[in-house]
Amino acid sequence: MHPSTSSTVTLNINGEKHQLSLDHRTTLLDALRERLDLTGTKKGCDQGQCGACTVLVDGRRTLACLQLAVAAEDQEITTIEGMARGGELHPVQQAFLELDGLQCGYCTPGQICSAVAVLEEHAAGWPSAATEDVRPEHGPPELTDEEIRERMSGNLCRCGAYVSIVRAVARAAAQQDESAKEEAA
C-alpha cells in the first residue's frame, strides 16, 4: 500500500480557520497565494533569500516559501492582510506609509511582517549580530539604526528604500515605547 501524499490541514490565518486538502509538499506561501487568494505575501526568490514571503507564525518571522503548509497546522499565522485591526493600520504599516518606507511595494508586506517581529524580539531583549553587549544584565540593546539594519537584513529591497525603512521601524519602535509608558502610568 502506498502512503498518501496529501492531507486535510487546518490553517489558522489572521484569526480565521481554513481547512484545505494539500499535497504534503505544498509550501505555506503557495497555500496562502494559490489556495486562499491571500496574495499580499509575495513570491520573490522562492529560495528563502529575499524575505518577500515573510509572515508571522506564532509571532515569529517565517519564510513562507520554505515552510511546508502541513507543518504550520495548529499555529497562528499572520500575513500582511491580518496586520490592520478594526480598519486601523498597524503602527509599523502607518510608519511605512508616512515615511515612504516603500517604493514599488513588492517587498513591503514581508518588510512590514519582519519589522513587527523585530520590535517584538527587541522588546523581549533578544540580541542581534550588531549588539555590542549581550549579557542579560545589560538589558535590551538600544534600537539604533545599525541594530535595525542588522535585524532587517533578511529582507531585501530592490528599489533601495532602506533608509526610509529604517526610519519607519525606528518611528514604530518609538511609538510602541510611548504607548507602553502611557499604559504604565
Protein backbone atom coordinates (compact mmCIF):
# COMPACT_ATOMS: atom_id res chain seq x y z
CA MET A 1 0.00 0.00 0.00
CA HIS A 2 1.32 3.45 -0.91
CA PRO A 3 1.30 6.17 1.72
CA SER A 4 -0.91 9.15 0.98
CA THR A 5 0.81 12.24 -0.39
CA SER A 6 -1.89 14.67 0.73
CA SER A 7 -3.71 15.57 3.91
CA THR A 8 -6.53 17.75 5.10
CA VAL A 9 -4.93 20.56 7.06
CA THR A 10 -6.47 23.30 9.16
CA LEU A 11 -4.56 26.57 8.94
CA ASN A 12 -5.35 29.41 11.35
CA ILE A 13 -4.65 32.51 9.29
CA ASN A 14 -5.32 36.02 10.54
CA GLY A 15 -7.72 34.62 13.13
CA GLU A 16 -9.73 32.52 10.68
CA LYS A 17 -9.53 28.76 10.30
CA HIS A 18 -9.19 27.38 6.78
CA GLN A 19 -9.46 23.67 6.04
CA LEU A 20 -7.55 22.62 2.92
CA SER A 21 -6.66 19.36 1.24
CA LEU A 22 -2.98 19.82 0.40
CA ASP A 23 -0.15 17.87 -1.10
CA HIS A 24 2.44 17.39 1.65
CA ARG A 25 4.99 19.27 -0.44
CA THR A 26 2.87 22.46 -0.66
CA THR A 27 4.64 25.42 0.86
CA LEU A 28 2.83 27.81 3.15
CA LEU A 29 3.43 30.51 0.52
CA ASP A 30 1.69 28.52 -2.21
CA ALA A 31 -1.21 27.64 0.11
CA LEU A 32 -1.68 31.31 1.00
CA ARG A 33 -1.44 32.67 -2.53
CA GLU A 34 -2.87 29.89 -4.71
CA ARG A 35 -5.42 28.24 -2.46
CA LEU A 36 -6.62 31.11 -0.25
CA ASP A 37 -6.08 34.12 -2.54
CA LEU A 38 -4.06 35.90 0.16
CA THR A 39 -1.73 37.49 -2.35
CA GLY A 40 -0.22 40.15 -0.11
CA THR A 41 2.58 37.73 0.72
CA LYS A 42 4.88 37.83 -2.28
CA LYS A 43 6.87 35.14 -4.04
CA GLY A 44 10.29 36.62 -4.70
CA CYS A 45 13.21 34.24 -4.98
CA ASP A 46 11.35 31.10 -3.78
CA GLN A 47 14.62 30.08 -2.09
CA GLY A 48 14.45 31.87 1.27
CA GLN A 49 16.95 34.56 0.36
CA CYS A 50 14.89 37.72 -0.24
CA GLY A 51 12.33 37.84 2.57
CA ALA A 52 9.42 38.93 0.33
CA CYS A 53 7.39 35.98 1.63
CA THR A 54 7.91 36.75 5.34
CA VAL A 55 4.87 36.03 7.51
CA LEU A 56 4.49 35.52 11.25
CA VAL A 57 3.93 32.02 12.61
CA ASP A 58 3.12 32.10 16.31
CA GLY A 59 4.58 35.61 16.32
CA ARG A 60 7.94 34.63 14.84
CA ARG A 61 9.26 35.50 11.40
CA THR A 62 8.95 32.69 8.91
CA LEU A 63 9.88 32.48 5.26
CA ALA A 64 6.67 31.07 3.82
CA CYS A 65 8.48 29.78 0.72
CA LEU A 66 10.49 27.39 2.91
CA GLN A 67 7.74 26.43 5.39
CA LEU A 68 5.60 23.46 4.49
CA ALA A 69 1.92 24.23 5.00
CA VAL A 70 1.30 20.94 6.83
CA ALA A 71 3.94 21.94 9.40
CA ALA A 72 2.03 25.16 10.16
CA GLU A 73 -1.14 23.37 11.26
CA ASP A 74 -2.43 24.48 14.67
CA GLN A 75 -0.23 27.58 14.65
CA GLU A 76 -1.32 31.21 14.41
CA ILE A 77 -0.29 32.55 11.01
CA THR A 78 -0.36 36.30 10.43
CA THR A 79 0.02 37.73 6.95
CA ILE A 80 0.07 41.34 5.85
CA GLU A 81 -3.71 41.09 5.39
CA GLY A 82 -4.05 40.47 9.14
CA MET A 83 -1.88 43.34 10.39
CA ALA A 84 -4.52 46.09 10.48
CA ARG A 85 -7.05 45.90 13.30
CA GLY A 86 -10.55 47.29 13.08
CA GLY A 87 -9.76 49.32 10.00
CA GLU A 88 -6.74 50.91 11.65
CA LEU A 89 -3.28 50.28 10.26
CA HIS A 90 -0.69 48.57 12.46
CA PRO A 91 1.79 51.21 13.74
CA VAL A 92 4.50 49.70 11.52
CA GLN A 93 2.25 49.98 8.47
CA GLN A 94 1.44 53.58 9.38
CA ALA A 95 5.12 54.46 9.79
CA PHE A 96 5.99 52.87 6.43
CA LEU A 97 3.23 54.94 4.81
CA GLU A 98 4.20 58.23 6.49
CA LEU A 99 7.95 57.88 5.90
CA ASP A 100 7.87 56.39 2.40
CA GLY A 101 9.27 53.04 3.54
CA LEU A 102 8.32 51.63 0.16
CA GLN A 103 8.71 52.34 -3.50
CA CYS A 104 7.36 49.65 -5.79
CA GLY A 105 5.74 47.89 -2.82
CA TYR A 106 6.67 44.34 -3.79
CA CYS A 107 8.85 43.66 -0.75
CA THR A 108 6.76 45.82 1.59
CA PRO A 109 4.47 43.10 3.03
CA GLY A 110 7.49 40.99 4.01
CA GLN A 111 9.34 44.06 5.30
CA ILE A 112 6.37 45.00 7.50
CA CYS A 113 5.87 41.48 8.86
CA SER A 114 9.58 41.28 9.60
CA ALA A 115 9.59 44.72 11.26
CA VAL A 116 6.70 43.74 13.55
CA ALA A 117 8.71 40.70 14.66
CA VAL A 118 11.87 42.81 15.04
CA LEU A 119 10.08 45.08 17.51
CA GLU A 120 8.83 42.08 19.49
CA GLU A 121 12.29 40.45 19.51
CA HIS A 122 13.88 43.70 20.64
CA ALA A 123 11.27 44.23 23.37
CA ALA A 124 12.00 40.69 24.60
CA GLY A 125 15.70 41.58 24.86
CA TRP A 126 16.95 39.33 22.06
CA PRO A 127 20.38 40.41 20.83
CA SER A 128 21.40 40.65 17.19
CA ALA A 129 24.78 40.29 15.49
CA ALA A 130 25.15 44.07 15.92
CA THR A 131 24.50 44.01 19.68
CA GLU A 132 27.69 45.03 21.47
CA ASP A 133 26.90 43.72 24.95
CA VAL A 134 24.76 40.59 25.02
CA ARG A 135 24.92 39.99 28.77
CA PRO A 136 21.37 39.72 30.18
CA GLU A 137 22.12 42.20 32.97
CA HIS A 138 22.95 44.83 30.33
CA GLY A 139 19.29 44.76 29.25
CA PRO A 140 17.93 45.20 25.77
CA PRO A 141 20.21 46.98 23.34
CA GLU A 142 19.36 50.45 22.14
CA LEU A 143 17.47 50.16 18.88
CA THR A 144 19.96 52.13 16.78
CA ASP A 145 19.90 52.35 13.00
CA GLU A 146 22.68 49.75 12.95
CA GLU A 147 20.58 47.38 15.10
CA ILE A 148 17.55 47.88 12.86
CA ARG A 149 19.59 47.29 9.70
CA GLU A 150 21.05 44.09 11.11
CA ARG A 151 17.71 42.79 12.34
CA MET A 152 16.03 43.57 8.99
CA SER A 153 18.91 42.21 6.88
CA GLY A 154 16.95 39.14 5.79
CA ASN A 155 14.57 41.32 3.79
CA LEU A 156 15.85 42.72 0.51
CA CYS A 157 14.50 45.76 -1.33
CA ARG A 158 15.44 46.08 -4.99
CA CYS A 159 14.32 49.72 -5.04
CA GLY A 160 16.75 50.62 -2.26
CA ALA A 161 14.23 52.12 0.16
CA TYR A 162 16.38 51.01 3.10
CA VAL A 163 16.90 54.47 4.60
CA SER A 164 13.15 55.06 4.79
CA ILE A 165 12.52 51.51 6.03
CA VAL A 166 14.97 52.01 8.91
CA ARG A 167 13.33 55.34 9.78
CA ALA A 168 9.88 53.72 9.70
CA VAL A 169 10.93 50.88 12.01
CA ALA A 170 12.56 53.38 14.39
CA ARG A 171 9.39 55.51 14.44
CA ALA A 172 7.16 52.49 15.11
CA ALA A 173 9.51 51.44 17.93
CA ALA A 174 9.36 54.94 19.47
CA GLN A 175 5.57 54.95 19.25
CA GLN A 176 5.43 51.50 20.82
CA ASP A 177 7.66 52.68 23.69
CA GLU A 178 5.49 55.75 24.20
CA SER A 179 2.31 53.68 24.25
CA ALA A 180 3.85 51.32 26.82
CA LYS A 181 4.78 54.27 29.05
CA GLU A 182 1.26 55.71 28.80
CA GLU A 183 -0.29 52.34 29.73
CA ALA A 184 2.08 52.02 32.72
CA ALA A 185 1.16 55.48 34.02
